[in-house]
Amino acid sequence: MARTKVDKNVRRAIREARRMTQEAEKIDCNEADTRLRIERILESLMGYDILKHVTRERAVRGAGETEHVDFAIQIGQGEKAKPVIMLEIKRVNVDLVRKHLRQISSYAINAGCEWILLTNGKEWKLYHVSFGQPPVTKLIHSWNILADDVSVLAKRFELISFKSVRKGALDEVWEKTNVLTPRNLLQAVLSEDSIRLLRRELRKESGVLLSPEDILSGIRRLLNETALTELENVRVFLPEQKRRGRRKKVKKLSQETVIPKLSFNRKTGKSEQIK
């Protein structure tokens, strides 16, 4: 697969960000010094004006005491400008763990901010917060500035750049994430039209005529534990097979197939029906 072409200025900014991060890792920078390097990345790689678009130690008022998030990124200016992304920073050699996510999630929920960035300079994690009952925080992308390919880094930082955020790119990402759920994908793959197409293509390639049930069984064998769990919630309608003979043709509705509950056997790597 051909690599995505990266603008030379972006490539240069990524190399500089890597150099700063490697240096920080080597000398074990504290959190304050890590923040300074993050500011440079926000400016040089993501196009934010630190004085206009970033509020440091923004107050967040919740049910308890007032707390402060490291950086609040906003498109507008002034204290009343609503944050688009809340950014929590940990020192460069501290691993990002669940308690850090809980911390920044609570800030975002109290401030009504949908997007979260959690980073130590090396690892970057982008989350979305859905304000349901209860609120749900979902990981959208994660990347490593030292380990990932330049083309990957360019794409990830472009997504959260000033230019993209101003154009609503994050909203588009969230819409696509909602569409591309395992359940929606399974529903599409197991639609009547898809199964007919699979039967036709497989027969064309192999000369073997497969039944809709054969196709369903084959797809089931491809699925992992998570997908098998989702499959239990999918209603599958198999296309009616054509029957040969001179009997009068009667148009029939497709029959709904009840999918048995399955479990995933980690030892054999196969799915097994729960009796």
C-alpha atoms as a PDB file:
ATOM      1  CA  MET A   1       0.000   0.000   0.000  1.00  0.00           C
ATOM      2  CA  ALA A   2       1.404   3.383  -1.013  1.00  0.00           C
ATOM      3  CA  ARG A   3       2.141   5.809   1.784  1.00  0.00           C
ATOM      4  CA  THR A   4       0.105   8.981   2.038  1.00  0.00           C
ATOM      5  CA  LYS A   5       2.073  11.988   0.872  1.00  0.00           C
ATOM      6  CA  VAL A   6       2.760  14.355   3.764  1.00  0.00           C
ATOM      7  CA  ASP A   7       3.318  18.074   3.288  1.00  0.00           C
ATOM      8  CA  LYS A   8       6.969  18.972   3.885  1.00  0.00           C
ATOM      9  CA  ASN A   9       6.093  21.595   6.505  1.00  0.00           C
ATOM     10  CA  VAL A  10       3.973  19.100   8.411  1.00  0.00           C
ATOM     11  CA  ARG A  11       6.745  16.511   8.153  1.00  0.00           C
ATOM     12  CA  ARG A  12       9.219  19.043   9.534  1.00  0.00           C
ATOM     13  CA  ALA A  13       6.880  19.904  12.430  1.00  0.00           C
ATOM     14  CA  ILE A  14       6.454  16.208  13.272  1.00  0.00           C
ATOM     15  CA  ARG A  15      10.222  15.660  13.278  1.00  0.00           C
ATOM     16  CA  GLU A  16      10.648  18.626  15.646  1.00  0.00           C
ATOM     17  CA  ALA A  17       7.865  17.321  17.913  1.00  0.00           C
ATOM     18  CA  ARG A  18       9.573  13.940  18.014  1.00  0.00           C
ATOM     19  CA  ARG A  19      12.914  15.504  18.852  1.00  0.00           C
ATOM     20  CA  MET A  20      11.414  17.488  21.739  1.00  0.00           C
ATOM     21  CA  THR A  21       9.565  14.439  23.047  1.00  0.00           C
ATOM     22  CA  GLN A  22      12.633  12.200  22.875  1.00  0.00           C
ATOM     23  CA  GLU A  23      14.628  14.817  24.742  1.00  0.00           C
ATOM     24  CA  ALA A  24      11.901  15.131  27.387  1.00  0.00           C
ATOM     25  CA  GLU A  25      11.809  11.363  27.811  1.00  0.00           C
ATOM     26  CA  LYS A  26      15.587  11.158  28.176  1.00  0.00           C
ATOM     27  CA  ILE A  27      15.833  13.820  30.898  1.00  0.00           C
ATOM     28  CA  ASP A  28      12.544  12.722  32.512  1.00  0.00           C
ATOM     29  CA  CYS A  29      10.773  16.081  32.279  1.00  0.00           C
ATOM     30  CA  ASN A  30       8.328  17.003  35.000  1.00  0.00           C
ATOM     31  CA  GLU A  31       4.702  17.855  34.217  1.00  0.00           C
ATOM     32  CA  ALA A  32       5.330  21.593  33.862  1.00  0.00           C
ATOM     33  CA  ASP A  33       8.106  21.078  31.301  1.00  0.00           C
ATOM     34  CA  THR A  34       5.972  18.523  29.461  1.00  0.00           C
ATOM     35  CA  ARG A  35       3.232  21.166  29.188  1.00  0.00           C
ATOM     36  CA  LEU A  36       5.644  23.618  27.577  1.00  0.00           C
ATOM     37  CA  ARG A  37       6.449  21.067  24.892  1.00  0.00           C
ATOM     38  CA  ILE A  38       2.761  20.358  24.328  1.00  0.00           C
ATOM     39  CA  GLU A  39       2.218  24.083  23.787  1.00  0.00           C
ATOM     40  CA  ARG A  40       4.863  24.043  21.055  1.00  0.00           C
ATOM     41  CA  ILE A  41       3.116  21.103  19.370  1.00  0.00           C
ATOM     42  CA  LEU A  42      -0.259  22.847  19.564  1.00  0.00           C
ATOM     43  CA  GLU A  43       1.239  25.837  17.771  1.00  0.00           C
ATOM     44  CA  SER A  44       3.639  24.337  15.241  1.00  0.00           C
ATOM     45  CA  LEU A  45       1.824  21.132  14.330  1.00  0.00           C
ATOM     46  CA  MET A  46      -1.825  21.934  14.988  1.00  0.00           C
ATOM     47  CA  GLY A  47      -2.041  25.621  14.141  1.00  0.00           C
ATOM     48  CA  TYR A  48      -3.471  26.986  17.402  1.00  0.00           C
ATOM     49  CA  ASP A  49      -2.639  30.435  18.689  1.00  0.00           C
ATOM     50  CA  ILE A  50      -1.706  29.744  22.307  1.00  0.00           C
ATOM     51  CA  LEU A  51      -2.776  33.225  23.417  1.00  0.00           C
ATOM     52  CA  LYS A  52      -6.161  33.094  21.656  1.00  0.00           C
ATOM     53  CA  HIS A  53      -7.252  29.475  21.501  1.00  0.00           C
ATOM     54  CA  VAL A  54      -5.857  27.885  24.672  1.00  0.00           C
ATOM     55  CA  THR A  55      -6.872  28.607  28.265  1.00  0.00           C
ATOM     56  CA  ARG A  56      -4.530  27.229  30.917  1.00  0.00           C
ATOM     57  CA  GLU A  57      -5.863  25.926  34.240  1.00  0.00           C
ATOM     58  CA  ARG A  58      -9.462  26.614  33.249  1.00  0.00           C
ATOM     59  CA  ALA A  59     -11.832  26.417  36.220  1.00  0.00           C
ATOM     60  CA  VAL A  60     -14.406  23.622  36.092  1.00  0.00           C
ATOM     61  CA  ARG A  61     -17.273  23.796  38.573  1.00  0.00           C
ATOM     62  CA  GLY A  62     -18.898  20.501  39.489  1.00  0.00           C
ATOM     63  CA  ALA A  63     -20.905  19.190  42.408  1.00  0.00           C
ATOM     64  CA  GLY A  64     -17.926  19.538  44.755  1.00  0.00           C
ATOM     65  CA  GLU A  65     -14.967  21.874  44.786  1.00  0.00           C
ATOM     66  CA  THR A  66     -13.911  23.882  41.744  1.00  0.00           C
ATOM     67  CA  GLU A  67     -11.196  22.042  39.826  1.00  0.00           C
ATOM     68  CA  HIS A  68      -8.903  23.062  36.972  1.00  0.00           C
ATOM     69  CA  VAL A  69      -8.192  21.338  33.673  1.00  0.00           C
ATOM     70  CA  ASP A  70      -4.672  21.758  32.238  1.00  0.00           C
ATOM     71  CA  PHE A  71      -5.716  23.197  28.851  1.00  0.00           C
ATOM     72  CA  ALA A  72      -9.094  24.077  27.384  1.00  0.00           C
ATOM     73  CA  ILE A  73      -9.014  24.542  23.615  1.00  0.00           C
ATOM     74  CA  GLN A  74     -11.626  26.846  22.128  1.00  0.00           C
ATOM     75  CA  ILE A  75     -12.216  28.412  18.729  1.00  0.00           C
ATOM     76  CA  GLY A  76     -13.717  31.586  20.152  1.00  0.00           C
ATOM     77  CA  GLN A  77     -11.944  33.905  22.565  1.00  0.00           C
ATOM     78  CA  GLY A  78     -12.516  35.054  26.116  1.00  0.00           C
ATOM     79  CA  GLU A  79     -13.544  33.358  29.343  1.00  0.00           C
ATOM     80  CA  LYS A  80     -17.070  32.723  28.076  1.00  0.00           C
ATOM     81  CA  ALA A  81     -15.871  30.875  24.954  1.00  0.00           C
ATOM     82  CA  LYS A  82     -17.034  27.258  25.162  1.00  0.00           C
ATOM     83  CA  PRO A  83     -14.188  24.701  25.134  1.00  0.00           C
ATOM     84  CA  VAL A  84     -14.185  22.376  22.134  1.00  0.00           C
ATOM     85  CA  ILE A  85     -11.480  20.056  23.504  1.00  0.00           C
ATOM     86  CA  MET A  86     -10.274  19.587  27.059  1.00  0.00           C
ATOM     87  CA  LEU A  87      -6.647  18.528  27.317  1.00  0.00           C
ATOM     88  CA  GLU A  88      -5.139  16.824  30.349  1.00  0.00           C
ATOM     89  CA  ILE A  89      -1.337  16.435  30.456  1.00  0.00           C
ATOM     90  CA  LYS A  90       0.775  14.020  32.469  1.00  0.00           C
ATOM     91  CA  ARG A  91       4.543  14.027  32.745  1.00  0.00           C
ATOM     92  CA  VAL A  92       6.312  12.380  29.848  1.00  0.00           C
ATOM     93  CA  ASN A  93       7.347   9.138  31.563  1.00  0.00           C
ATOM     94  CA  VAL A  94       4.030   8.522  33.320  1.00  0.00           C
ATOM     95  CA  ASP A  95       1.829   5.891  31.663  1.00  0.00           C
ATOM     96  CA  LEU A  96      -1.718   6.985  30.875  1.00  0.00           C
ATOM     97  CA  VAL A  97      -4.133   4.905  32.954  1.00  0.00           C
ATOM     98  CA  ARG A  98      -7.844   4.719  33.706  1.00  0.00           C
ATOM     99  CA  LYS A  99      -7.748   7.115  36.666  1.00  0.00           C
ATOM    100  CA  HIS A 100      -6.390   9.832  34.373  1.00  0.00           C
ATOM    101  CA  LEU A 101      -9.300   9.259  31.995  1.00  0.00           C
ATOM    102  CA  ARG A 102     -11.796   9.424  34.867  1.00  0.00           C
ATOM    103  CA  GLN A 103     -10.243  12.720  35.952  1.00  0.00           C
ATOM    104  CA  ILE A 104     -10.464  14.457  32.574  1.00  0.00           C
ATOM    105  CA  SER A 105     -13.881  12.880  31.839  1.00  0.00           C
ATOM    106  CA  SER A 106     -15.334  14.423  34.981  1.00  0.00           C
ATOM    107  CA  TYR A 107     -13.978  17.833  33.939  1.00  0.00           C
ATOM    108  CA  ALA A 108     -15.484  17.503  30.460  1.00  0.00           C
ATOM    109  CA  ILE A 109     -18.860  16.322  31.760  1.00  0.00           C
ATOM    110  CA  ASN A 110     -19.095  19.206  34.236  1.00  0.00           C
ATOM    111  CA  ALA A 111     -18.125  21.704  31.526  1.00  0.00           C
ATOM    112  CA  GLY A 112     -20.385  20.193  28.831  1.00  0.00           C
ATOM    113  CA  CYS A 113     -17.412  19.496  26.522  1.00  0.00           C
ATOM    114  CA  GLU A 114     -17.753  16.550  24.117  1.00  0.00           C
ATOM    115  CA  TRP A 115     -14.065  16.024  23.270  1.00  0.00           C
ATOM    116  CA  ILE A 116     -11.115  14.987  25.427  1.00  0.00           C
ATOM    117  CA  LEU A 117      -7.393  14.738  24.737  1.00  0.00           C
ATOM    118  CA  LEU A 118      -5.231  12.843  27.213  1.00  0.00           C
ATOM    119  CA  THR A 119      -1.459  12.883  26.654  1.00  0.00           C
ATOM    120  CA  ASN A 120       1.962  12.577  28.218  1.00  0.00           C
ATOM    121  CA  GLY A 121       3.619  13.973  25.110  1.00  0.00           C
ATOM    122  CA  LYS A 122       4.379  10.525  23.711  1.00  0.00           C
ATOM    123  CA  GLU A 123       0.967   8.888  23.803  1.00  0.00           C
ATOM    124  CA  TRP A 124      -2.083  10.807  22.614  1.00  0.00           C
ATOM    125  CA  LYS A 125      -5.641   9.593  23.179  1.00  0.00           C
ATOM    126  CA  LEU A 126      -8.746  11.253  21.725  1.00  0.00           C
ATOM    127  CA  TYR A 127     -12.101  10.511  23.381  1.00  0.00           C
ATOM    128  CA  HIS A 128     -15.698  11.530  22.812  1.00  0.00           C
ATOM    129  CA  VAL A 129     -18.162  12.102  25.663  1.00  0.00           C
ATOM    130  CA  SER A 130     -21.851  11.302  25.081  1.00  0.00           C
ATOM    131  CA  PHE A 131     -24.140  13.013  27.573  1.00  0.00           C
ATOM    132  CA  GLY A 132     -26.599  10.246  28.290  1.00  0.00           C
ATOM    133  CA  GLN A 133     -27.703   8.730  31.588  1.00  0.00           C
ATOM    134  CA  PRO A 134     -25.016   7.876  32.514  1.00  0.00           C
ATOM    135  CA  PRO A 135     -22.529   9.761  30.287  1.00  0.00           C
ATOM    136  CA  VAL A 136     -20.324   7.491  28.158  1.00  0.00           C
ATOM    137  CA  THR A 137     -16.695   8.182  27.205  1.00  0.00           C
ATOM    138  CA  LYS A 138     -15.491   6.400  24.060  1.00  0.00           C
ATOM    139  CA  LEU A 139     -11.951   6.150  22.672  1.00  0.00           C
ATOM    140  CA  ILE A 140     -11.877   7.395  19.066  1.00  0.00           C
ATOM    141  CA  HIS A 141      -8.154   7.389  18.186  1.00  0.00           C
ATOM    142  CA  SER A 142      -4.837   6.810  19.931  1.00  0.00           C
ATOM    143  CA  TRP A 143      -1.337   7.358  18.585  1.00  0.00           C
ATOM    144  CA  ASN A 144       2.285   7.465  19.674  1.00  0.00           C
ATOM    145  CA  ILE A 145       4.427  10.353  18.483  1.00  0.00           C
ATOM    146  CA  LEU A 146       7.638   8.308  18.743  1.00  0.00           C
ATOM    147  CA  ALA A 147       6.470   4.977  17.341  1.00  0.00           C
ATOM    148  CA  ASP A 148       3.838   5.688  14.667  1.00  0.00           C
ATOM    149  CA  ASP A 149       4.516   6.428  11.006  1.00  0.00           C
ATOM    150  CA  VAL A 150       4.697  10.080   9.950  1.00  0.00           C
ATOM    151  CA  SER A 151       1.658   9.668   7.679  1.00  0.00           C
ATOM    152  CA  VAL A 152      -0.413   8.363  10.610  1.00  0.00           C
ATOM    153  CA  LEU A 153       0.718  11.210  12.861  1.00  0.00           C
ATOM    154  CA  ALA A 154      -0.044  13.791  10.182  1.00  0.00           C
ATOM    155  CA  LYS A 155      -3.591  12.447   9.834  1.00  0.00           C
ATOM    156  CA  ARG A 156      -4.244  12.319  13.587  1.00  0.00           C
ATOM    157  CA  PHE A 157      -2.885  15.786  14.377  1.00  0.00           C
ATOM    158  CA  GLU A 158      -4.680  17.241  11.361  1.00  0.00           C
ATOM    159  CA  LEU A 159      -7.994  15.958  12.745  1.00  0.00           C
ATOM    160  CA  ILE A 160      -7.581  17.932  15.981  1.00  0.00           C
ATOM    161  CA  SER A 161      -5.915  20.951  14.373  1.00  0.00           C
ATOM    162  CA  PHE A 162      -7.403  24.443  14.565  1.00  0.00           C
ATOM    163  CA  LYS A 163      -8.350  24.378  10.891  1.00  0.00           C
ATOM    164  CA  SER A 164     -10.186  21.037  11.100  1.00  0.00           C
ATOM    165  CA  VAL A 165     -11.932  21.730  14.396  1.00  0.00           C
ATOM    166  CA  ARG A 166     -13.166  25.074  13.071  1.00  0.00           C
ATOM    167  CA  LYS A 167     -14.683  23.266  10.066  1.00  0.00           C
ATOM    168  CA  GLY A 168     -16.470  20.699  12.251  1.00  0.00           C
ATOM    169  CA  ALA A 169     -14.280  17.703  11.403  1.00  0.00           C
ATOM    170  CA  LEU A 170     -14.751  16.189  14.858  1.00  0.00           C
ATOM    171  CA  ASP A 171     -18.535  16.131  14.402  1.00  0.00           C
ATOM    172  CA  GLU A 172     -18.072  14.229  11.127  1.00  0.00           C
ATOM    173  CA  VAL A 173     -15.789  11.717  12.832  1.00  0.00           C
ATOM    174  CA  TRP A 174     -18.361  11.083  15.542  1.00  0.00           C
ATOM    175  CA  GLU A 175     -21.141  10.594  12.978  1.00  0.00           C
ATOM    176  CA  LYS A 176     -19.042   7.991  11.131  1.00  0.00           C
ATOM    177  CA  THR A 177     -18.127   6.274  14.406  1.00  0.00           C
ATOM    178  CA  ASN A 178     -21.818   5.885  15.216  1.00  0.00           C
ATOM    179  CA  VAL A 179     -22.518   4.363  11.808  1.00  0.00           C
ATOM    180  CA  LEU A 180     -19.557   1.959  11.831  1.00  0.00           C
ATOM    181  CA  THR A 181     -20.550   0.045  14.935  1.00  0.00           C
ATOM    182  CA  PRO A 182     -20.131  -3.761  14.927  1.00  0.00           C
ATOM    183  CA  ARG A 183     -23.907  -4.200  15.009  1.00  0.00           C
ATOM    184  CA  ASN A 184     -24.545  -1.897  12.038  1.00  0.00           C
ATOM    185  CA  LEU A 185     -21.785  -3.538  10.004  1.00  0.00           C
ATOM    186  CA  LEU A 186     -23.084  -7.029  10.770  1.00  0.00           C
ATOM    187  CA  GLN A 187     -26.601  -5.941   9.847  1.00  0.00           C
ATOM    188  CA  ALA A 188     -25.332  -4.708   6.471  1.00  0.00           C
ATOM    189  CA  VAL A 189     -23.165  -7.774   5.779  1.00  0.00           C
ATOM    190  CA  LEU A 190     -26.016 -10.119   6.688  1.00  0.00           C
ATOM    191  CA  SER A 191     -28.722  -8.317   4.705  1.00  0.00           C
ATOM    192  CA  GLU A 192     -30.614 -10.312   2.064  1.00  0.00           C
ATOM    193  CA  ASP A 193     -28.955  -8.421  -0.784  1.00  0.00           C
ATOM    194  CA  SER A 194     -25.463  -8.981   0.638  1.00  0.00           C
ATOM    195  CA  ILE A 195     -26.026 -12.708   1.095  1.00  0.00           C
ATOM    196  CA  ARG A 196     -27.343 -13.021  -2.478  1.00  0.00           C
ATOM    197  CA  LEU A 197     -24.269 -11.185  -3.749  1.00  0.00           C
ATOM    198  CA  LEU A 198     -21.922 -13.410  -1.741  1.00  0.00           C
ATOM    199  CA  ARG A 199     -23.607 -16.576  -3.050  1.00  0.00           C
ATOM    200  CA  ARG A 200     -23.344 -15.328  -6.630  1.00  0.00           C
ATOM    201  CA  GLU A 201     -19.685 -14.283  -6.349  1.00  0.00           C
ATOM    202  CA  LEU A 202     -18.608 -17.461  -4.573  1.00  0.00           C
ATOM    203  CA  ARG A 203     -20.361 -19.628  -7.162  1.00  0.00           C
ATOM    204  CA  LYS A 204     -18.730 -17.631  -9.955  1.00  0.00           C
ATOM    205  CA  GLU A 205     -15.279 -18.219  -8.440  1.00  0.00           C
ATOM    206  CA  SER A 206     -15.681 -21.830  -7.274  1.00  0.00           C
ATOM    207  CA  GLY A 207     -18.589 -23.308  -9.218  1.00  0.00           C
ATOM    208  CA  VAL A 208     -20.135 -24.429  -5.933  1.00  0.00           C
ATOM    209  CA  LEU A 209     -23.728 -23.492  -5.121  1.00  0.00           C
ATOM    210  CA  LEU A 210     -24.054 -22.517  -1.468  1.00  0.00           C
ATOM    211  CA  SER A 211     -27.238 -22.009   0.504  1.00  0.00           C
ATOM    212  CA  PRO A 212     -27.910 -18.819   2.487  1.00  0.00           C
ATOM    213  CA  GLU A 213     -27.434 -20.903   5.646  1.00  0.00           C
ATOM    214  CA  ASP A 214     -23.986 -21.953   4.373  1.00  0.00           C
ATOM    215  CA  ILE A 215     -23.040 -18.296   3.929  1.00  0.00           C
ATOM    216  CA  LEU A 216     -24.278 -17.405   7.413  1.00  0.00           C
ATOM    217  CA  SER A 217     -22.336 -20.302   8.926  1.00  0.00           C
ATOM    218  CA  GLY A 218     -19.158 -19.246   7.119  1.00  0.00           C
ATOM    219  CA  ILE A 219     -19.463 -15.646   8.275  1.00  0.00           C
ATOM    220  CA  ARG A 220     -20.051 -16.789  11.855  1.00  0.00           C
ATOM    221  CA  ARG A 221     -16.742 -18.684  11.786  1.00  0.00           C
ATOM    222  CA  LEU A 222     -14.946 -15.441  10.877  1.00  0.00           C
ATOM    223  CA  LEU A 223     -16.194 -13.543  13.897  1.00  0.00           C
ATOM    224  CA  ASN A 224     -14.365 -12.935  17.157  1.00  0.00           C
ATOM    225  CA  GLU A 225     -15.905 -12.984  20.622  1.00  0.00           C
ATOM    226  CA  THR A 226     -17.072  -9.365  20.541  1.00  0.00           C
ATOM    227  CA  ALA A 227     -18.687  -9.708  17.124  1.00  0.00           C
ATOM    228  CA  LEU A 228     -20.399 -12.953  18.117  1.00  0.00           C
ATOM    229  CA  THR A 229     -21.949 -11.177  21.084  1.00  0.00           C
ATOM    230  CA  GLU A 230     -23.214  -8.417  18.779  1.00  0.00           C
ATOM    231  CA  LEU A 231     -24.564 -11.016  16.361  1.00  0.00           C
ATOM    232  CA  GLU A 232     -27.055 -12.186  18.985  1.00  0.00           C
ATOM    233  CA  ASN A 233     -28.810  -8.799  18.670  1.00  0.00           C
ATOM    234  CA  VAL A 234     -28.971  -8.776  14.861  1.00  0.00           C
ATOM    235  CA  ARG A 235     -32.104  -9.902  13.048  1.00  0.00           C
ATOM    236  CA  VAL A 236     -31.102 -11.867   9.959  1.00  0.00           C
ATOM    237  CA  PHE A 237     -33.503 -12.492   7.081  1.00  0.00           C
ATOM    238  CA  LEU A 238     -32.152 -15.111   4.684  1.00  0.00           C
ATOM    239  CA  PRO A 239     -33.280 -14.901   1.048  1.00  0.00           C
ATOM    240  CA  GLU A 240     -35.703 -17.619  -0.074  1.00  0.00           C
ATOM    241  CA  GLN A 241     -34.011 -20.240  -2.244  1.00  0.00           C
ATOM    242  CA  LYS A 242     -35.410 -20.926  -5.717  1.00  0.00           C
ATOM    243  CA  ARG A 243     -36.822 -24.416  -6.125  1.00  0.00           C
ATOM    244  CA  ARG A 244     -36.764 -26.330  -9.403  1.00  0.00           C
ATOM    245  CA  GLY A 245     -39.854 -28.067 -10.781  1.00  0.00           C
ATOM    246  CA  ARG A 246     -43.089 -27.339 -12.555  1.00  0.00           C
ATOM    247  CA  ARG A 247     -45.048 -26.421  -9.468  1.00  0.00           C
ATOM    248  CA  LYS A 248     -46.758 -23.067  -9.543  1.00  0.00           C
ATOM    249  CA  LYS A 249     -44.441 -20.411  -8.203  1.00  0.00           C
ATOM    250  CA  VAL A 250     -45.621 -18.806  -4.998  1.00  0.00           C
ATOM    251  CA  LYS A 251     -43.952 -15.672  -3.799  1.00  0.00           C
ATOM    252  CA  LYS A 252     -42.809 -16.135  -0.224  1.00  0.00           C
ATOM    253  CA  LEU A 253     -41.469 -13.727   2.297  1.00  0.00           C
ATOM    254  CA  SER A 254     -37.959 -14.257   3.555  1.00  0.00           C
ATOM    255  CA  GLN A 255     -37.813 -16.169   6.800  1.00  0.00           C
ATOM    256  CA  GLU A 256     -36.207 -14.647   9.852  1.00  0.00           C
ATOM    257  CA  THR A 257     -33.373 -16.785  11.126  1.00  0.00           C
ATOM    258  CA  VAL A 258     -32.974 -17.152  14.856  1.00  0.00           C
ATOM    259  CA  ILE A 259     -29.286 -17.000  15.632  1.00  0.00           C
ATOM    260  CA  PRO A 260     -28.298 -19.334  18.448  1.00  0.00           C
ATOM    261  CA  LYS A 261     -26.362 -17.929  21.364  1.00  0.00           C
ATOM    262  CA  LEU A 262     -22.678 -18.602  20.983  1.00  0.00           C
ATOM    263  CA  SER A 263     -19.613 -18.480  23.170  1.00  0.00           C
ATOM    264  CA  PHE A 264     -16.010 -18.103  22.082  1.00  0.00           C
ATOM    265  CA  ASN A 265     -13.629 -20.909  23.111  1.00  0.00           C
ATOM    266  CA  ARG A 266     -10.220 -19.291  23.632  1.00  0.00           C
ATOM    267  CA  LYS A 267      -8.434 -22.669  23.601  1.00  0.00           C
ATOM    268  CA  THR A 268      -9.765 -23.853  20.237  1.00  0.00           C
ATOM    269  CA  GLY A 269     -10.282 -20.394  18.732  1.00  0.00           C
ATOM    270  CA  LYS A 270     -13.780 -21.443  17.602  1.00  0.00           C
ATOM    271  CA  SER A 271     -17.317 -20.418  18.462  1.00  0.00           C
ATOM    272  CA  GLU A 272     -19.544 -22.935  20.244  1.00  0.00           C
ATOM    273  CA  GLN A 273     -23.297 -22.999  20.633  1.00  0.00           C
ATOM    274  CA  ILE A 274     -24.598 -22.539  24.184  1.00  0.00           C
ATOM    275  CA  LYS A 275     -27.041 -25.349  24.938  1.00  0.00           C
END
